Amino acid sequence: MQAFALVCVLEGLLPFALPAVWKDAFTKISRLSDGQVRFVGLISLASGILLFNMVE
């Protein structure tokens, strides 16, 4: 439950602090192909797993 709360906090920081930057980034991401979005997701997933294992 704490991990989910942390994700919510981190996901909310950019739209709260810099809404224009967040909207611009979201627009650019929506223009990417499915393959590019999957690659970004894979990199994010792998980075999160790596960081999680380093913290343990």
N, C-alpha and C. Protein backbone atom coordinates (compact mmCIF):
# COMPACT_ATOMS: atom_id res chain seq x y z
N MET A 1 0.82 -1.19 0.00
CA MET A 1 0.00 0.00 0.00
C MET A 1 0.87 1.27 0.00
N GLN A 2 2.00 1.22 0.69
CA GLN A 2 2.90 2.37 0.72
C GLN A 2 3.49 2.63 -0.66
N ALA A 3 3.81 1.57 -1.39
CA ALA A 3 4.37 1.72 -2.73
C ALA A 3 3.35 2.40 -3.65
N PHE A 4 2.10 2.01 -3.55
CA PHE A 4 1.05 2.63 -4.37
C PHE A 4 0.91 4.11 -4.02
N ALA A 5 0.96 4.43 -2.73
CA ALA A 5 0.87 5.83 -2.30
C ALA A 5 2.05 6.63 -2.85
N LEU A 6 3.24 6.04 -2.83
CA LEU A 6 4.42 6.73 -3.36
C LEU A 6 4.28 6.97 -4.86
N VAL A 7 3.78 6.00 -5.59
CA VAL A 7 3.56 6.16 -7.03
C VAL A 7 2.57 7.31 -7.29
N CYS A 8 1.51 7.37 -6.51
CA CYS A 8 0.53 8.45 -6.68
C CYS A 8 1.16 9.82 -6.43
N VAL A 9 1.99 9.91 -5.40
CA VAL A 9 2.66 11.18 -5.10
C VAL A 9 3.59 11.56 -6.24
N LEU A 10 4.42 10.62 -6.69
CA LEU A 10 5.37 10.92 -7.76
C LEU A 10 4.67 11.25 -9.07
N GLU A 11 3.60 10.54 -9.39
CA GLU A 11 2.86 10.80 -10.62
C GLU A 11 2.15 12.15 -10.58
N GLY A 12 1.83 12.63 -9.39
CA GLY A 12 1.11 13.89 -9.27
C GLY A 12 2.00 15.11 -9.20
N LEU A 13 3.29 14.92 -9.00
CA LEU A 13 4.19 16.06 -8.85
C LEU A 13 4.26 16.94 -10.09
N LEU A 14 4.51 16.36 -11.23
CA LEU A 14 4.69 17.15 -12.45
C LEU A 14 3.42 17.88 -12.87
N PRO A 15 2.26 17.23 -12.92
CA PRO A 15 1.07 17.99 -13.31
C PRO A 15 0.72 19.09 -12.30
N PHE A 16 1.04 18.87 -11.04
CA PHE A 16 0.76 19.90 -10.03
C PHE A 16 1.72 21.08 -10.15
N ALA A 17 3.01 20.77 -10.27
CA ALA A 17 4.03 21.82 -10.26
C ALA A 17 4.16 22.53 -11.60
N LEU A 18 4.10 21.77 -12.70
CA LEU A 18 4.32 22.34 -14.03
C LEU A 18 3.29 21.81 -15.01
N PRO A 19 2.04 22.27 -14.91
CA PRO A 19 1.00 21.70 -15.77
C PRO A 19 1.24 21.88 -17.27
N ALA A 20 1.80 23.00 -17.68
CA ALA A 20 2.05 23.23 -19.11
C ALA A 20 3.10 22.26 -19.64
N VAL A 21 4.15 22.04 -18.87
CA VAL A 21 5.20 21.10 -19.28
C VAL A 21 4.62 19.69 -19.36
N TRP A 22 3.79 19.33 -18.38
CA TRP A 22 3.18 18.00 -18.35
C TRP A 22 2.28 17.79 -19.57
N LYS A 23 1.46 18.79 -19.90
CA LYS A 23 0.58 18.66 -21.07
C LYS A 23 1.39 18.55 -22.36
N ASP A 24 2.46 19.30 -22.47
CA ASP A 24 3.32 19.24 -23.65
C ASP A 24 3.95 17.85 -23.77
N ALA A 25 4.47 17.33 -22.67
CA ALA A 25 5.07 16.00 -22.68
C ALA A 25 4.03 14.94 -23.04
N PHE A 26 2.84 15.06 -22.49
CA PHE A 26 1.77 14.09 -22.76
C PHE A 26 1.38 14.13 -24.23
N THR A 27 1.33 15.31 -24.82
CA THR A 27 1.01 15.45 -26.24
C THR A 27 2.08 14.78 -27.10
N LYS A 28 3.36 15.00 -26.75
CA LYS A 28 4.45 14.37 -27.51
C LYS A 28 4.41 12.85 -27.38
N ILE A 29 4.13 12.37 -26.20
CA ILE A 29 4.07 10.91 -25.99
C ILE A 29 2.92 10.31 -26.79
N SER A 30 1.80 11.02 -26.88
CA SER A 30 0.65 10.48 -27.61
C SER A 30 0.92 10.36 -29.11
N ARG A 31 1.94 11.07 -29.61
CA ARG A 31 2.29 10.99 -31.03
C ARG A 31 3.23 9.84 -31.35
N LEU A 32 3.77 9.19 -30.33
CA LEU A 32 4.70 8.07 -30.56
C LEU A 32 3.95 6.85 -31.06
N SER A 33 4.64 5.99 -31.78
CA SER A 33 4.03 4.74 -32.24
C SER A 33 3.90 3.79 -31.05
N ASP A 34 3.08 2.76 -31.22
CA ASP A 34 2.90 1.77 -30.15
C ASP A 34 4.21 1.10 -29.77
N GLY A 35 5.04 0.82 -30.76
CA GLY A 35 6.33 0.20 -30.49
C GLY A 35 7.24 1.09 -29.64
N GLN A 36 7.23 2.38 -29.92
CA GLN A 36 8.04 3.32 -29.16
C GLN A 36 7.53 3.43 -27.72
N VAL A 37 6.22 3.46 -27.56
CA VAL A 37 5.64 3.52 -26.22
C VAL A 37 5.98 2.25 -25.44
N ARG A 38 5.90 1.10 -26.10
CA ARG A 38 6.26 -0.16 -25.44
C ARG A 38 7.72 -0.16 -25.02
N PHE A 39 8.60 0.37 -25.87
CA PHE A 39 10.02 0.42 -25.54
C PHE A 39 10.26 1.31 -24.31
N VAL A 40 9.61 2.46 -24.27
CA VAL A 40 9.73 3.33 -23.10
C VAL A 40 9.20 2.62 -21.86
N GLY A 41 8.09 1.91 -22.00
CA GLY A 41 7.54 1.15 -20.88
C GLY A 41 8.49 0.06 -20.42
N LEU A 42 9.13 -0.61 -21.36
CA LEU A 42 10.09 -1.67 -21.03
C LEU A 42 11.29 -1.10 -20.28
N ILE A 43 11.81 0.02 -20.75
CA ILE A 43 12.94 0.66 -20.08
C ILE A 43 12.54 1.09 -18.67
N SER A 44 11.36 1.66 -18.53
CA SER A 44 10.87 2.09 -17.21
C SER A 44 10.70 0.89 -16.28
N LEU A 45 10.13 -0.16 -16.79
CA LEU A 45 9.94 -1.38 -16.00
C LEU A 45 11.26 -1.97 -15.56
N ALA A 46 12.20 -2.08 -16.48
CA ALA A 46 13.51 -2.64 -16.15
C ALA A 46 14.25 -1.76 -15.15
N SER A 47 14.16 -0.45 -15.32
CA SER A 47 14.81 0.46 -14.38
C SER A 47 14.22 0.33 -12.99
N GLY A 48 12.90 0.23 -12.92
CA GLY A 48 12.24 0.08 -11.62
C GLY A 48 12.63 -1.21 -10.92
N ILE A 49 12.71 -2.29 -11.69
CA ILE A 49 13.12 -3.58 -11.10
C ILE A 49 14.56 -3.51 -10.62
N LEU A 50 15.43 -2.91 -11.42
CA LEU A 50 16.82 -2.76 -11.05
C LEU A 50 16.97 -1.92 -9.78
N LEU A 51 16.29 -0.78 -9.73
CA LEU A 51 16.35 0.08 -8.54
C LEU A 51 15.78 -0.63 -7.33
N PHE A 52 14.69 -1.36 -7.50
CA PHE A 52 14.09 -2.09 -6.40
C PHE A 52 15.06 -3.12 -5.84
N ASN A 53 15.75 -3.81 -6.71
CA ASN A 53 16.73 -4.82 -6.25
C ASN A 53 17.93 -4.17 -5.59
N MET A 54 18.31 -2.99 -6.02
CA MET A 54 19.44 -2.30 -5.41
C MET A 54 19.10 -1.82 -3.99
N VAL A 55 17.85 -1.47 -3.76
CA VAL A 55 17.41 -0.96 -2.47
C VAL A 55 17.30 -2.06 -1.43
N GLU A 56 16.91 -3.23 -1.87
CA GLU A 56 16.70 -4.34 -0.94
C GLU A 56 17.91 -4.69 -0.17
